[in-house]
């Protein structure tokens, strides 16, 4: 019941167009992540994962895209088989994203999800997830086709489905993963936020050291978006 997990990470990188505009001016950023999770096991059938995550991202020049992202989540872990090789996880999370220099971009996002994972011996596993996300912007208003504010805040609905399969070969693993989602919004200007997306991943991993506590992975991916009307 007392099991916990704490993680701290620091990243630095370069993005070639953080503002998504025609100037395509790039900028460097520094990111700090911190998370803490409570991971109780109640019995052979039930466990949980309750956590808090904060991500702080600072851009060097283009401060408008600097942000602080916080998420709290609660997941129930259910093992319906005596072998424990099937895990079903219903859960909920609440995220709030804050931009200190751009109030219109901040939002709150409530998510409900159900995911599963099934292991077949030591050589294979597969799983997936369904998630519904309801995002409400703090200041940004929804617009009509002529770009006029409608007097109420922008809201987005998103439905997400994921599937994956993993093959283990000794200390190596290969994962094939697909993700699909549909996003709809009450902002009607150019129908920019109504689209479907499909994304594919191929993950190559290997564990190192005698206890396999070091893992290195390489993950190429490809995404395609299809706008409904734009």
Protein backbone atom coordinates (compact mmCIF):
# COMPACT_ATOMS: atom_id res chain seq x y z
CA UNK A 1 0.00 0.00 0.00
CA UNK A 2 2.94 2.35 0.48
CA UNK A 3 4.52 1.93 -2.96
CA UNK A 4 5.34 5.22 -4.71
CA UNK A 5 7.10 6.35 -7.87
CA UNK A 6 8.87 9.71 -8.22
CA UNK A 7 10.35 11.00 -11.47
CA UNK A 8 12.33 14.14 -12.30
CA UNK A 9 13.56 14.99 -15.81
CA UNK A 10 15.12 17.94 -17.64
CA UNK A 11 15.04 18.39 -21.44
CA UNK A 12 16.50 20.92 -23.81
CA UNK A 13 15.66 21.22 -27.50
CA UNK A 14 15.03 23.34 -30.56
CA UNK A 15 11.70 23.84 -32.32
CA UNK A 16 11.71 25.32 -35.81
CA UNK A 17 8.25 26.95 -35.64
CA UNK A 18 6.83 27.15 -32.08
CA UNK A 19 4.25 29.83 -33.00
CA UNK A 20 2.91 27.88 -36.02
CA UNK A 21 3.02 30.98 -38.21
CA UNK A 22 4.45 31.98 -41.58
CA UNK A 23 7.64 33.44 -40.11
CA UNK A 24 8.83 29.90 -39.16
CA UNK A 25 11.19 31.45 -36.63
CA UNK A 26 12.75 28.81 -34.44
CA UNK A 27 13.64 28.94 -30.77
CA UNK A 28 15.37 26.89 -28.07
CA UNK A 29 13.51 25.69 -24.99
CA UNK A 30 14.24 24.12 -21.62
CA UNK A 31 11.71 21.78 -20.01
CA UNK A 32 11.50 20.48 -16.43
CA UNK A 33 9.18 17.57 -15.55
CA UNK A 34 8.21 16.24 -12.13
CA UNK A 35 5.75 13.48 -11.24
CA UNK A 36 4.76 11.54 -8.14
CA UNK A 37 2.45 8.52 -8.09
CA UNK A 38 0.92 6.40 -5.35
CA UNK A 39 0.76 2.76 -6.54
CA UNK A 40 -1.16 0.69 -3.97
CA UNK A 41 -1.97 -3.00 -4.42
CA UNK A 42 -5.15 -3.88 -2.51
CA UNK A 43 -5.24 -7.62 -3.36
CA UNK A 44 -4.56 -9.99 -6.29
CA UNK A 45 -7.44 -8.46 -8.26
CA UNK A 46 -7.28 -4.72 -7.64
CA UNK A 47 -4.67 -2.00 -7.51
CA UNK A 48 -4.49 1.72 -8.34
CA UNK A 49 -2.29 4.50 -9.73
CA UNK A 50 -2.98 7.99 -8.38
CA UNK A 51 -0.63 10.71 -9.53
CA UNK A 52 0.35 14.31 -10.10
CA UNK A 53 2.47 15.61 -13.01
CA UNK A 54 3.85 19.10 -13.72
CA UNK A 55 5.68 20.12 -16.90
CA UNK A 56 7.29 23.57 -17.11
CA UNK A 57 8.54 24.67 -20.53
CA UNK A 58 10.49 27.92 -21.10
CA UNK A 59 11.39 29.30 -24.53
CA UNK A 60 14.41 31.57 -24.76
CA UNK A 61 13.00 34.29 -27.07
CA UNK A 62 9.36 33.54 -27.88
CA UNK A 63 7.92 33.75 -24.41
CA UNK A 64 4.31 33.56 -25.64
CA UNK A 65 4.62 29.78 -25.95
CA UNK A 66 6.23 29.23 -22.54
CA UNK A 67 3.83 27.23 -20.37
CA UNK A 68 3.15 25.27 -17.20
CA UNK A 69 1.09 22.08 -17.57
CA UNK A 70 -0.33 20.22 -14.54
CA UNK A 71 -2.30 16.96 -14.44
CA UNK A 72 -3.88 14.91 -11.66
CA UNK A 73 -5.07 11.39 -12.46
CA UNK A 74 -6.64 8.32 -10.85
CA UNK A 75 -6.57 4.84 -12.39
CA UNK A 76 -8.07 1.60 -11.08
CA UNK A 77 -6.10 -1.55 -12.02
CA UNK A 78 -8.25 -4.67 -12.40
CA UNK A 79 -6.78 -8.17 -12.99
CA UNK A 80 -9.72 -10.47 -13.90
CA UNK A 81 -7.56 -13.58 -14.50
CA UNK A 82 -5.75 -15.52 -11.78
CA UNK A 83 -2.55 -15.43 -13.86
CA UNK A 84 -2.57 -11.62 -13.74
CA UNK A 85 -1.73 -11.46 -17.45
CA UNK A 86 -4.81 -9.41 -18.34
CA UNK A 87 -5.06 -5.88 -16.91
CA UNK A 88 -8.04 -3.53 -17.37
CA UNK A 89 -7.67 0.09 -16.31
CA UNK A 90 -10.57 2.57 -16.13
CA UNK A 91 -9.41 6.07 -15.21
CA UNK A 92 -9.94 9.80 -15.13
CA UNK A 93 -7.56 12.76 -15.38
CA UNK A 94 -7.82 16.52 -15.11
CA UNK A 95 -5.29 18.82 -16.80
CA UNK A 96 -4.87 22.58 -16.66
CA UNK A 97 -2.42 24.33 -18.99
CA UNK A 98 -1.29 27.87 -18.20
CA UNK A 99 0.54 30.33 -20.49
CA UNK A 100 1.89 33.27 -18.42
CA UNK A 101 2.27 35.54 -21.48
CA UNK A 102 -0.73 34.37 -23.53
CA UNK A 103 -3.96 34.04 -21.55
CA UNK A 104 -5.99 33.03 -24.62
CA UNK A 105 -4.13 29.74 -24.99
CA UNK A 106 -4.75 28.33 -21.49
CA UNK A 107 -7.31 25.57 -21.05
CA UNK A 108 -8.70 22.85 -18.77
CA UNK A 109 -9.08 19.30 -20.05
CA UNK A 110 -11.16 16.53 -18.45
CA UNK A 111 -10.48 12.99 -19.73
CA UNK A 112 -12.17 9.64 -19.17
CA UNK A 113 -10.49 6.52 -20.47
CA UNK A 114 -10.43 2.73 -20.48
CA UNK A 115 -7.32 0.77 -21.42
CA UNK A 116 -6.22 -2.85 -21.34
CA UNK A 117 -3.07 -4.98 -21.69
CA UNK A 118 -2.83 -8.73 -22.24
CA UNK A 119 0.44 -10.71 -22.07
CA UNK A 120 0.86 -13.95 -24.02
CA UNK A 121 3.69 -15.85 -22.40
CA UNK A 122 6.97 -13.94 -22.25
CA UNK A 123 7.19 -13.27 -25.99
CA UNK A 124 4.14 -11.11 -26.79
CA UNK A 125 1.74 -8.58 -25.40
CA UNK A 126 -0.96 -6.42 -26.91
CA UNK A 127 -3.27 -3.71 -25.66
CA UNK A 128 -5.22 -0.58 -26.40
CA UNK A 129 -7.15 2.38 -25.08
CA UNK A 130 -10.30 4.41 -25.65
CA UNK A 131 -10.39 7.98 -24.32
CA UNK A 132 -12.81 10.89 -24.41
CA UNK A 133 -11.41 14.37 -23.84
CA UNK A 134 -13.44 17.54 -23.15
CA UNK A 135 -11.32 20.71 -23.34
CA UNK A 136 -12.52 24.18 -22.28
CA UNK A 137 -10.42 27.30 -22.91
CA UNK A 138 -10.09 29.84 -20.08
CA UNK A 139 -10.23 33.05 -22.18
CA UNK A 140 -10.33 32.15 -25.88
CA UNK A 141 -13.80 32.59 -27.38
CA UNK A 142 -15.42 30.52 -30.08
CA UNK A 143 -15.83 32.27 -33.48
CA UNK A 144 -18.23 32.03 -36.39
CA UNK A 145 -17.25 31.66 -40.06
CA UNK A 146 -16.54 35.41 -40.37
CA UNK A 147 -14.15 35.33 -37.37
CA UNK A 148 -16.58 37.14 -35.04
CA UNK A 149 -16.53 36.11 -31.37
CA UNK A 150 -19.70 34.30 -30.35
CA UNK A 151 -19.65 35.38 -26.70
CA UNK A 152 -18.78 32.00 -25.18
CA UNK A 153 -15.52 30.12 -24.70
CA UNK A 154 -14.11 27.68 -27.19
CA UNK A 155 -14.64 23.99 -26.39
CA UNK A 156 -13.15 20.91 -28.06
CA UNK A 157 -14.32 17.29 -27.97
CA UNK A 158 -11.91 14.49 -28.85
CA UNK A 159 -12.39 10.72 -29.16
CA UNK A 160 -9.20 8.65 -29.19
CA UNK A 161 -8.55 4.96 -29.92
CA UNK A 162 -5.16 3.22 -29.64
CA UNK A 163 -3.96 -0.33 -30.37
CA UNK A 164 -0.50 -1.88 -30.08
CA UNK A 165 1.31 -5.21 -30.20
CA UNK A 166 4.79 -5.95 -28.79
CA UNK A 167 7.23 -8.75 -29.58
CA UNK A 168 10.09 -9.56 -27.15
CA UNK A 169 13.29 -11.18 -28.37
CA UNK A 170 15.67 -11.62 -25.45
CA UNK A 171 16.64 -8.14 -24.29
CA UNK A 172 15.15 -6.59 -27.45
CA UNK A 173 11.55 -5.61 -28.17
CA UNK A 174 9.64 -4.32 -31.18
CA UNK A 175 6.32 -2.52 -30.77
CA UNK A 176 3.87 -1.57 -33.52
CA UNK A 177 1.32 1.02 -32.40
CA UNK A 178 -1.52 2.91 -34.08
CA UNK A 179 -3.51 5.87 -32.77
CA UNK A 180 -6.67 7.41 -34.23
CA UNK A 181 -8.65 10.39 -33.01
CA UNK A 182 -11.44 12.74 -34.09
CA UNK A 183 -11.48 16.35 -32.87
CA UNK A 184 -14.51 18.63 -33.09
CA UNK A 185 -14.85 22.20 -31.84
CA UNK A 186 -17.47 24.93 -31.43
CA UNK A 187 -15.03 27.34 -33.15
CA UNK A 188 -16.28 27.56 -36.75
CA UNK A 189 -13.68 29.91 -38.26
CA UNK A 190 -12.21 28.05 -41.25
CA UNK A 191 -13.25 24.77 -39.54
CA UNK A 192 -9.62 24.52 -38.42
CA UNK A 193 -10.28 22.37 -35.34
CA UNK A 194 -12.53 19.75 -36.96
CA UNK A 195 -10.37 16.90 -38.21
CA UNK A 196 -9.48 13.22 -38.05
CA UNK A 197 -5.96 12.04 -37.35
CA UNK A 198 -4.13 8.74 -37.78
CA UNK A 199 -0.67 8.13 -36.37
CA UNK A 200 1.61 5.10 -36.58
CA UNK A 201 4.61 4.28 -34.36
CA UNK A 202 7.39 1.72 -34.60
CA UNK A 203 9.34 1.35 -31.34
CA UNK A 204 12.68 -0.47 -31.11
CA UNK A 205 13.95 -1.03 -27.54
CA UNK A 206 16.74 -2.81 -25.71
CA UNK A 207 17.43 -3.26 -22.01
CA UNK A 208 20.93 -3.13 -20.54
CA UNK A 209 22.79 -3.95 -17.30
CA UNK A 210 22.41 -7.16 -15.32
CA UNK A 211 19.15 -6.05 -13.74
CA UNK A 212 17.72 -4.57 -17.01
CA UNK A 213 17.14 -1.21 -15.32
CA UNK A 214 18.52 0.75 -18.28
CA UNK A 215 16.27 0.86 -21.35
CA UNK A 216 17.02 2.65 -24.63
CA UNK A 217 14.42 3.03 -27.38
CA UNK A 218 14.15 4.51 -30.86
CA UNK A 219 10.69 5.58 -32.02
CA UNK A 220 9.99 6.81 -35.56
CA UNK A 221 6.37 7.85 -36.17
CA UNK A 222 4.16 9.34 -38.88
CA UNK A 223 0.90 11.31 -38.54
CA UNK A 224 -1.69 12.37 -41.10
CA UNK A 225 -4.56 14.80 -40.44
CA UNK A 226 -7.68 15.04 -42.61
CA UNK A 227 -9.73 18.21 -42.08
CA UNK A 228 -13.49 17.82 -42.37
CA UNK A 229 -14.23 20.99 -44.36
CA UNK A 230 -11.14 23.17 -44.51
